[in-house]
Amino acid sequence: MSAPHVWRAGPDEAEVVGQLLIDFRNHLKVEWPSDNAFLAGVDRLIEDPNTAYLLASPDADSPPQGVAQVRFRFGIWWAAEDCLLEDLFVRADARGSGLGRALLGAVVDLARRRGCRRVELDANEDNAAAQALYTSVGFDAQDDRYGGRNLFMRLHLDPPAG
């Protein structure tokens, strides 16, 4: 069995990236954003130097079955860039093949090459498989520097009226 193939998506692969993110949305059983919004969003971000999309396939001759969306920003507390793993998704029929682990490893490698001092992500507390993957490579919710667990919290804002 060959090793998973992971690469950074180029602008010519925006539609493939968008479709994998649409598949992720469908896996989550949500209806919004629309397909067109996903595709337009990828088109907008794929050439942004602070965004990276990584694709993964079972081998170099197979179509992509997984995607990671990564965002970078400067973190004042670390005096370096932070890496946010915003999304990591592998299609159901490719799960258990090592694609998720390969994508995660590629994200960490990319963050190191950019000089990032940390990689952050969030995982739903009911997603035991994702949590097991993340902890197996060293991600931890416990922050010994400050005591207690780190919580990634959100406030969803409605779009402005009008």
N, C-alpha and C. Protein backbone atom coordinates (compact mmCIF):
# COMPACT_ATOMS: atom_id res chain seq x y z
N MET A 1 0.85 -1.19 0.00
CA MET A 1 0.00 0.00 0.00
C MET A 1 0.88 1.24 0.00
N SER A 2 0.60 2.19 -0.87
CA SER A 2 1.41 3.40 -0.96
C SER A 2 0.98 4.40 0.11
N ALA A 3 1.88 5.33 0.39
CA ALA A 3 1.63 6.36 1.40
C ALA A 3 0.70 7.43 0.83
N PRO A 4 -0.09 8.06 1.69
CA PRO A 4 -0.94 9.15 1.22
C PRO A 4 -0.11 10.26 0.56
N HIS A 5 -0.71 10.88 -0.40
CA HIS A 5 -0.07 11.99 -1.13
C HIS A 5 -0.76 13.28 -0.68
N VAL A 6 0.03 14.24 -0.17
CA VAL A 6 -0.51 15.51 0.31
C VAL A 6 0.22 16.64 -0.41
N TRP A 7 -0.53 17.64 -0.84
CA TRP A 7 0.06 18.79 -1.51
C TRP A 7 -0.77 20.03 -1.25
N ARG A 8 -0.12 21.19 -1.47
CA ARG A 8 -0.82 22.46 -1.34
C ARG A 8 -1.59 22.71 -2.63
N ALA A 9 -2.87 22.98 -2.49
CA ALA A 9 -3.72 23.22 -3.65
C ALA A 9 -3.36 24.54 -4.30
N GLY A 10 -3.38 24.53 -5.61
CA GLY A 10 -3.17 25.75 -6.37
C GLY A 10 -4.49 26.34 -6.81
N PRO A 11 -4.46 27.56 -7.35
CA PRO A 11 -5.70 28.20 -7.80
C PRO A 11 -6.49 27.36 -8.79
N ASP A 12 -5.81 26.54 -9.58
CA ASP A 12 -6.52 25.70 -10.55
C ASP A 12 -7.28 24.56 -9.88
N GLU A 13 -7.08 24.36 -8.57
CA GLU A 13 -7.77 23.31 -7.83
C GLU A 13 -8.84 23.86 -6.89
N ALA A 14 -9.19 25.12 -7.07
CA ALA A 14 -10.17 25.76 -6.18
C ALA A 14 -11.51 25.03 -6.18
N GLU A 15 -11.94 24.56 -7.32
CA GLU A 15 -13.23 23.86 -7.38
C GLU A 15 -13.19 22.54 -6.62
N VAL A 16 -12.07 21.83 -6.70
CA VAL A 16 -11.90 20.57 -5.96
C VAL A 16 -11.94 20.84 -4.46
N VAL A 17 -11.20 21.87 -4.03
CA VAL A 17 -11.20 22.26 -2.61
C VAL A 17 -12.62 22.61 -2.18
N GLY A 18 -13.29 23.45 -2.96
CA GLY A 18 -14.65 23.85 -2.63
C GLY A 18 -15.59 22.67 -2.51
N GLN A 19 -15.48 21.70 -3.41
CA GLN A 19 -16.36 20.54 -3.35
C GLN A 19 -16.10 19.70 -2.10
N LEU A 20 -14.84 19.55 -1.72
CA LEU A 20 -14.54 18.82 -0.48
C LEU A 20 -15.10 19.55 0.74
N LEU A 21 -15.05 20.88 0.74
CA LEU A 21 -15.63 21.63 1.86
C LEU A 21 -17.15 21.54 1.85
N ILE A 22 -17.75 21.50 0.67
CA ILE A 22 -19.20 21.28 0.57
C ILE A 22 -19.54 19.90 1.11
N ASP A 23 -18.73 18.90 0.77
CA ASP A 23 -18.95 17.55 1.30
C ASP A 23 -18.86 17.56 2.84
N PHE A 24 -17.94 18.35 3.38
CA PHE A 24 -17.81 18.48 4.84
C PHE A 24 -19.08 19.09 5.42
N ARG A 25 -19.54 20.18 4.80
CA ARG A 25 -20.80 20.81 5.26
C ARG A 25 -21.93 19.79 5.25
N ASN A 26 -22.03 19.02 4.18
CA ASN A 26 -23.09 18.01 4.08
C ASN A 26 -22.93 16.92 5.14
N HIS A 27 -21.70 16.53 5.41
CA HIS A 27 -21.42 15.54 6.46
C HIS A 27 -21.92 16.05 7.82
N LEU A 28 -21.79 17.36 8.04
CA LEU A 28 -22.25 17.97 9.29
C LEU A 28 -23.77 18.16 9.32
N LYS A 29 -24.42 17.88 8.19
CA LYS A 29 -25.88 17.99 8.07
C LYS A 29 -26.37 19.42 8.29
N VAL A 30 -25.64 20.37 7.71
CA VAL A 30 -26.09 21.76 7.72
C VAL A 30 -26.30 22.19 6.27
N GLU A 31 -27.12 23.21 6.09
CA GLU A 31 -27.49 23.62 4.74
C GLU A 31 -26.83 24.92 4.30
N TRP A 32 -26.19 25.61 5.19
CA TRP A 32 -25.63 26.92 4.88
C TRP A 32 -24.20 26.96 5.33
N PRO A 33 -23.31 27.59 4.66
CA PRO A 33 -23.42 28.39 3.45
C PRO A 33 -23.74 27.54 2.22
N SER A 34 -24.21 28.22 1.20
CA SER A 34 -24.58 27.54 -0.05
C SER A 34 -23.34 27.02 -0.76
N ASP A 35 -23.58 26.13 -1.72
CA ASP A 35 -22.48 25.63 -2.55
C ASP A 35 -21.73 26.80 -3.20
N ASN A 36 -22.50 27.75 -3.77
CA ASN A 36 -21.87 28.89 -4.43
C ASN A 36 -21.04 29.72 -3.47
N ALA A 37 -21.51 29.86 -2.23
CA ALA A 37 -20.74 30.63 -1.24
C ALA A 37 -19.43 29.93 -0.91
N PHE A 38 -19.45 28.60 -0.79
CA PHE A 38 -18.20 27.87 -0.55
C PHE A 38 -17.24 28.05 -1.71
N LEU A 39 -17.73 27.88 -2.92
CA LEU A 39 -16.86 27.99 -4.09
C LEU A 39 -16.30 29.40 -4.23
N ALA A 40 -17.13 30.42 -4.00
CA ALA A 40 -16.66 31.80 -4.07
C ALA A 40 -15.65 32.10 -2.96
N GLY A 41 -15.90 31.53 -1.78
CA GLY A 41 -14.97 31.75 -0.67
C GLY A 41 -13.60 31.15 -0.94
N VAL A 42 -13.59 29.96 -1.49
CA VAL A 42 -12.30 29.33 -1.83
C VAL A 42 -11.60 30.14 -2.92
N ASP A 43 -12.36 30.57 -3.93
CA ASP A 43 -11.77 31.42 -4.98
C ASP A 43 -11.14 32.67 -4.38
N ARG A 44 -11.79 33.24 -3.39
CA ARG A 44 -11.30 34.46 -2.75
C ARG A 44 -10.03 34.20 -1.94
N LEU A 45 -9.96 33.05 -1.26
CA LEU A 45 -8.87 32.80 -0.31
C LEU A 45 -7.69 32.02 -0.85
N ILE A 46 -7.86 31.28 -1.93
CA ILE A 46 -6.82 30.33 -2.33
C ILE A 46 -5.50 31.01 -2.72
N GLU A 47 -5.57 32.26 -3.13
CA GLU A 47 -4.33 32.98 -3.46
C GLU A 47 -3.87 33.91 -2.34
N ASP A 48 -4.60 33.94 -1.22
CA ASP A 48 -4.22 34.75 -0.06
C ASP A 48 -2.99 34.12 0.59
N PRO A 49 -1.91 34.87 0.78
CA PRO A 49 -0.70 34.27 1.38
C PRO A 49 -0.89 33.82 2.83
N ASN A 50 -1.98 34.25 3.47
CA ASN A 50 -2.25 33.85 4.85
C ASN A 50 -3.27 32.71 4.94
N THR A 51 -3.53 32.07 3.82
CA THR A 51 -4.43 30.92 3.75
C THR A 51 -3.74 29.83 2.95
N ALA A 52 -3.92 28.59 3.38
CA ALA A 52 -3.44 27.45 2.61
C ALA A 52 -4.51 26.38 2.62
N TYR A 53 -4.69 25.75 1.48
CA TYR A 53 -5.53 24.58 1.36
C TYR A 53 -4.62 23.42 1.00
N LEU A 54 -4.68 22.37 1.79
CA LEU A 54 -3.92 21.16 1.52
C LEU A 54 -4.90 20.08 1.08
N LEU A 55 -4.51 19.34 0.07
CA LEU A 55 -5.30 18.23 -0.43
C LEU A 55 -4.57 16.93 -0.16
N ALA A 56 -5.33 15.85 0.00
CA ALA A 56 -4.73 14.54 0.24
C ALA A 56 -5.47 13.48 -0.57
N SER A 57 -4.69 12.57 -1.12
CA SER A 57 -5.24 11.42 -1.83
C SER A 57 -4.51 10.16 -1.36
N PRO A 58 -5.11 9.00 -1.56
CA PRO A 58 -4.47 7.76 -1.12
C PRO A 58 -3.11 7.52 -1.76
N ASP A 59 -2.92 8.02 -2.99
CA ASP A 59 -1.63 7.90 -3.69
C ASP A 59 -1.58 9.01 -4.74
N ALA A 60 -0.46 9.16 -5.39
CA ALA A 60 -0.25 10.26 -6.33
C ALA A 60 -1.14 10.15 -7.57
N ASP A 61 -1.72 8.99 -7.83
CA ASP A 61 -2.55 8.81 -9.02
C ASP A 61 -4.05 8.87 -8.75
N SER A 62 -4.44 9.11 -7.51
CA SER A 62 -5.85 9.12 -7.13
C SER A 62 -6.33 10.55 -6.91
N PRO A 63 -7.64 10.79 -7.08
CA PRO A 63 -8.18 12.12 -6.83
C PRO A 63 -8.19 12.43 -5.33
N PRO A 64 -8.21 13.71 -4.98
CA PRO A 64 -8.22 14.10 -3.57
C PRO A 64 -9.45 13.57 -2.84
N GLN A 65 -9.22 13.09 -1.63
CA GLN A 65 -10.29 12.60 -0.77
C GLN A 65 -10.32 13.32 0.57
N GLY A 66 -9.37 14.25 0.77
CA GLY A 66 -9.31 15.00 2.02
C GLY A 66 -8.79 16.40 1.80
N VAL A 67 -9.15 17.29 2.72
CA VAL A 67 -8.75 18.69 2.61
C VAL A 67 -8.49 19.25 4.00
N ALA A 68 -7.54 20.18 4.07
CA ALA A 68 -7.32 20.96 5.28
C ALA A 68 -7.32 22.44 4.89
N GLN A 69 -8.02 23.24 5.66
CA GLN A 69 -8.03 24.69 5.46
C GLN A 69 -7.25 25.30 6.61
N VAL A 70 -6.22 26.07 6.28
CA VAL A 70 -5.29 26.59 7.26
C VAL A 70 -5.19 28.11 7.11
N ARG A 71 -5.23 28.80 8.24
CA ARG A 71 -5.13 30.27 8.22
C ARG A 71 -3.98 30.68 9.12
N PHE A 72 -3.29 31.75 8.75
CA PHE A 72 -2.16 32.25 9.51
C PHE A 72 -2.41 33.70 9.92
N ARG A 73 -1.94 34.05 11.12
CA ARG A 73 -2.03 35.43 11.61
C ARG A 73 -0.92 35.64 12.62
N PHE A 74 -0.51 36.87 12.79
CA PHE A 74 0.53 37.16 13.77
C PHE A 74 -0.07 37.11 15.17
N GLY A 75 0.63 36.42 16.09
CA GLY A 75 0.19 36.31 17.47
C GLY A 75 1.11 37.10 18.39
N ILE A 76 0.60 38.12 18.98
CA ILE A 76 1.41 39.02 19.82
C ILE A 76 1.98 38.28 21.04
N TRP A 77 1.25 37.32 21.60
CA TRP A 77 1.70 36.61 22.79
C TRP A 77 2.85 35.67 22.51
N TRP A 78 3.03 35.32 21.24
CA TRP A 78 4.11 34.41 20.88
C TRP A 78 5.19 35.10 20.06
N ALA A 79 4.95 36.37 19.71
CA ALA A 79 5.90 37.15 18.89
C ALA A 79 6.23 36.39 17.61
N ALA A 80 5.23 35.74 17.04
CA ALA A 80 5.40 34.96 15.82
C ALA A 80 4.02 34.68 15.24
N GLU A 81 4.01 34.08 14.08
CA GLU A 81 2.74 33.70 13.48
C GLU A 81 2.09 32.55 14.24
N ASP A 82 0.77 32.56 14.25
CA ASP A 82 -0.06 31.46 14.73
C ASP A 82 -0.63 30.77 13.50
N CYS A 83 -0.87 29.49 13.63
CA CYS A 83 -1.51 28.71 12.57
C CYS A 83 -2.83 28.21 13.13
N LEU A 84 -3.91 28.46 12.42
CA LEU A 84 -5.23 27.95 12.79
C LEU A 84 -5.63 26.90 11.77
N LEU A 85 -5.76 25.67 12.23
CA LEU A 85 -6.31 24.61 11.39
C LEU A 85 -7.82 24.77 11.47
N GLU A 86 -8.37 25.43 10.47
CA GLU A 86 -9.78 25.79 10.49
C GLU A 86 -10.69 24.60 10.18
N ASP A 87 -10.27 23.78 9.22
CA ASP A 87 -11.05 22.61 8.83
C ASP A 87 -10.11 21.49 8.43
N LEU A 88 -10.49 20.27 8.79
CA LEU A 88 -9.82 19.07 8.30
C LEU A 88 -10.92 18.06 8.04
N PHE A 89 -11.00 17.59 6.80
CA PHE A 89 -12.08 16.68 6.42
C PHE A 89 -11.55 15.62 5.48
N VAL A 90 -11.97 14.38 5.72
CA VAL A 90 -11.69 13.24 4.85
C VAL A 90 -13.02 12.58 4.52
N ARG A 91 -13.25 12.34 3.25
CA ARG A 91 -14.50 11.68 2.83
C ARG A 91 -14.64 10.34 3.54
N ALA A 92 -15.88 9.95 3.82
CA ALA A 92 -16.19 8.76 4.61
C ALA A 92 -15.52 7.50 4.07
N ASP A 93 -15.53 7.32 2.76
CA ASP A 93 -14.96 6.09 2.20
C ASP A 93 -13.44 6.05 2.26
N ALA A 94 -12.79 7.15 2.64
CA ALA A 94 -11.33 7.18 2.75
C ALA A 94 -10.86 7.26 4.20
N ARG A 95 -11.79 7.33 5.14
CA ARG A 95 -11.40 7.40 6.55
C ARG A 95 -10.72 6.11 6.98
N GLY A 96 -9.77 6.24 7.88
CA GLY A 96 -9.03 5.09 8.37
C GLY A 96 -7.86 4.72 7.47
N SER A 97 -7.65 5.48 6.40
CA SER A 97 -6.57 5.18 5.45
C SER A 97 -5.30 5.97 5.73
N GLY A 98 -5.34 6.84 6.74
CA GLY A 98 -4.16 7.64 7.06
C GLY A 98 -4.17 9.03 6.44
N LEU A 99 -5.22 9.36 5.68
CA LEU A 99 -5.26 10.68 5.05
C LEU A 99 -5.35 11.80 6.07
N GLY A 100 -6.17 11.63 7.11
CA GLY A 100 -6.30 12.66 8.13
C GLY A 100 -4.98 12.90 8.84
N ARG A 101 -4.29 11.84 9.20
CA ARG A 101 -2.99 11.96 9.86
C ARG A 101 -1.97 12.61 8.92
N ALA A 102 -2.00 12.24 7.64
CA ALA A 102 -1.08 12.83 6.68
C ALA A 102 -1.35 14.33 6.51
N LEU A 103 -2.63 14.70 6.44
CA LEU A 103 -2.98 16.13 6.34
C LEU A 103 -2.52 16.88 7.58
N LEU A 104 -2.79 16.30 8.75
CA LEU A 104 -2.39 16.96 9.99
C LEU A 104 -0.88 17.14 10.06
N GLY A 105 -0.13 16.12 9.68
CA GLY A 105 1.32 16.23 9.65
C GLY A 105 1.80 17.31 8.70
N ALA A 106 1.15 17.41 7.54
CA ALA A 106 1.51 18.44 6.57
C ALA A 106 1.19 19.84 7.09
N VAL A 107 0.09 19.98 7.83
CA VAL A 107 -0.25 21.28 8.43
C VAL A 107 0.83 21.68 9.43
N VAL A 108 1.22 20.77 10.30
CA VAL A 108 2.26 21.06 11.30
C VAL A 108 3.58 21.40 10.61
N ASP A 109 3.94 20.66 9.58
CA ASP A 109 5.17 20.96 8.84
C ASP A 109 5.11 22.34 8.19
N LEU A 110 3.98 22.67 7.58
CA LEU A 110 3.81 23.99 6.96
C LEU A 110 3.93 25.09 8.01
N ALA A 111 3.31 24.89 9.16
CA ALA A 111 3.39 25.89 10.24
C ALA A 111 4.84 26.08 10.69
N ARG A 112 5.56 24.99 10.84
CA ARG A 112 6.98 25.10 11.22
C ARG A 112 7.78 25.87 10.18
N ARG A 113 7.56 25.56 8.90
CA ARG A 113 8.30 26.25 7.83
C ARG A 113 8.01 27.74 7.81
N ARG A 114 6.79 28.13 8.20
CA ARG A 114 6.42 29.55 8.24
C ARG A 114 6.90 30.23 9.51
N GLY A 115 7.47 29.48 10.45
CA GLY A 115 7.96 30.06 11.69
C GLY A 115 6.89 30.22 12.76
N CYS A 116 5.78 29.51 12.61
CA CYS A 116 4.71 29.59 13.61
C CYS A 116 5.20 29.01 14.93
N ARG A 117 4.69 29.55 16.01
CA ARG A 117 5.02 29.07 17.35
C ARG A 117 3.94 28.17 17.93
N ARG A 118 2.75 28.16 17.30
CA ARG A 118 1.69 27.26 17.75
C ARG A 118 0.72 26.99 16.62
N VAL A 119 0.05 25.86 16.73
CA VAL A 119 -1.04 25.48 15.83
C VAL A 119 -2.26 25.30 16.71
N GLU A 120 -3.33 25.94 16.33
CA GLU A 120 -4.58 25.86 17.09
C GLU A 120 -5.66 25.21 16.22
N LEU A 121 -6.61 24.58 16.88
CA LEU A 121 -7.76 24.00 16.21
C LEU A 121 -8.87 23.83 17.21
N ASP A 122 -10.05 23.55 16.72
CA ASP A 122 -11.14 23.16 17.62
C ASP A 122 -11.73 21.87 17.09
N ALA A 123 -12.22 21.06 18.00
CA ALA A 123 -12.88 19.80 17.65
C ALA A 123 -14.12 19.67 18.52
N ASN A 124 -15.19 19.26 17.92
CA ASN A 124 -16.42 19.05 18.67
C ASN A 124 -16.20 18.00 19.74
N GLU A 125 -16.73 18.22 20.92
CA GLU A 125 -16.51 17.30 22.03
C GLU A 125 -17.09 15.91 21.77
N ASP A 126 -18.02 15.79 20.83
CA ASP A 126 -18.58 14.48 20.49
C ASP A 126 -17.81 13.77 19.38
N ASN A 127 -16.78 14.42 18.83
CA ASN A 127 -16.01 13.84 17.74
C ASN A 127 -14.77 13.16 18.31
N ALA A 128 -14.98 11.98 18.86
CA ALA A 128 -13.89 11.25 19.53
C ALA A 128 -12.77 10.88 18.56
N ALA A 129 -13.12 10.55 17.31
CA ALA A 129 -12.08 10.17 16.35
C ALA A 129 -11.14 11.34 16.07
N ALA A 130 -11.69 12.52 15.89
CA ALA A 130 -10.84 13.70 15.65
C ALA A 130 -9.99 14.00 16.87
N GLN A 131 -10.59 13.95 18.04
CA GLN A 131 -9.82 14.22 19.25
C GLN A 131 -8.69 13.22 19.42
N ALA A 132 -8.94 11.95 19.12
CA ALA A 132 -7.90 10.93 19.24
C ALA A 132 -6.76 11.21 18.27
N LEU A 133 -7.10 11.61 17.05
CA LEU A 133 -6.07 11.95 16.07
C LEU A 133 -5.23 13.13 16.57
N TYR A 134 -5.88 14.19 17.00
CA TYR A 134 -5.16 15.39 17.42
C TYR A 134 -4.28 15.11 18.64
N THR A 135 -4.80 14.41 19.62
CA THR A 135 -3.99 14.14 20.81
C THR A 135 -2.85 13.18 20.50
N SER A 136 -3.02 12.31 19.52
CA SER A 136 -1.95 11.36 19.19
C SER A 136 -0.71 12.04 18.63
N VAL A 137 -0.87 13.26 18.12
CA VAL A 137 0.31 13.98 17.63
C VAL A 137 0.72 15.13 18.54
N GLY A 138 0.09 15.21 19.73
CA GLY A 138 0.54 16.17 20.73
C GLY A 138 -0.37 17.34 21.04
N PHE A 139 -1.50 17.47 20.35
CA PHE A 139 -2.43 18.55 20.70
C PHE A 139 -3.03 18.24 22.06
N ASP A 140 -3.24 19.27 22.86
CA ASP A 140 -3.74 19.09 24.21
C ASP A 140 -4.61 20.28 24.60
N ALA A 141 -5.69 20.02 25.28
CA ALA A 141 -6.56 21.10 25.78
C ALA A 141 -6.03 21.69 27.08
N GLN A 142 -5.13 20.99 27.74
CA GLN A 142 -4.57 21.45 29.01
C GLN A 142 -3.42 22.41 28.75
N ASP A 143 -3.45 23.57 29.39
CA ASP A 143 -2.37 24.54 29.24
C ASP A 143 -1.69 24.71 30.60
N ASP A 144 -0.60 24.01 30.78
CA ASP A 144 0.08 24.00 32.07
C ASP A 144 0.65 25.35 32.47
N ARG A 145 0.87 26.23 31.53
CA ARG A 145 1.41 27.55 31.86
C ARG A 145 0.42 28.35 32.70
N TYR A 146 -0.86 28.17 32.43
CA TYR A 146 -1.87 28.97 33.12
C TYR A 146 -2.81 28.13 33.98
N GLY A 147 -2.65 26.80 33.94
CA GLY A 147 -3.57 25.93 34.66
C GLY A 147 -4.88 25.81 33.90
N GLY A 148 -5.60 24.78 34.11
CA GLY A 148 -6.91 24.63 33.48
C GLY A 148 -6.84 24.23 32.02
N ARG A 149 -8.02 24.08 31.45
CA ARG A 149 -8.14 23.67 30.06
C ARG A 149 -8.36 24.88 29.17
N ASN A 150 -7.89 24.79 27.94
CA ASN A 150 -8.19 25.80 26.93
C ASN A 150 -9.55 25.48 26.32
N LEU A 151 -10.37 26.47 26.16
CA LEU A 151 -11.66 26.32 25.50
C LEU A 151 -11.69 27.25 24.31
N PHE A 152 -12.09 26.76 23.17
CA PHE A 152 -12.26 27.59 22.00
C PHE A 152 -13.73 27.97 21.97
N MET A 153 -14.03 29.24 22.15
CA MET A 153 -15.41 29.68 22.25
C MET A 153 -15.76 30.56 21.06
N ARG A 154 -17.06 30.64 20.76
CA ARG A 154 -17.51 31.42 19.62
C ARG A 154 -18.71 32.28 20.00
N LEU A 155 -18.82 33.39 19.31
CA LEU A 155 -20.02 34.22 19.34
C LEU A 155 -20.42 34.40 17.88
N HIS A 156 -21.54 33.86 17.48
CA HIS A 156 -22.02 33.99 16.11
C HIS A 156 -22.81 35.28 16.00
N LEU A 157 -22.47 36.11 15.03
CA LEU A 157 -23.14 37.38 14.81
C LEU A 157 -24.00 37.29 13.56
N ASP A 158 -25.19 37.85 13.62
CA ASP A 158 -26.04 37.89 12.45
C ASP A 158 -25.50 38.94 11.49
N PRO A 159 -25.71 38.72 10.19
CA PRO A 159 -25.27 39.73 9.24
C PRO A 159 -26.06 41.02 9.44
N PRO A 160 -25.46 42.16 9.09
CA PRO A 160 -26.18 43.43 9.26
C PRO A 160 -27.45 43.47 8.41
N ALA A 161 -28.48 44.11 8.94
CA ALA A 161 -29.75 44.23 8.23
C ALA A 161 -29.58 45.19 7.05
N GLY A 162 -30.34 44.92 6.03
CA GLY A 162 -30.37 45.85 4.90
C GLY A 162 -29.59 45.39 3.79
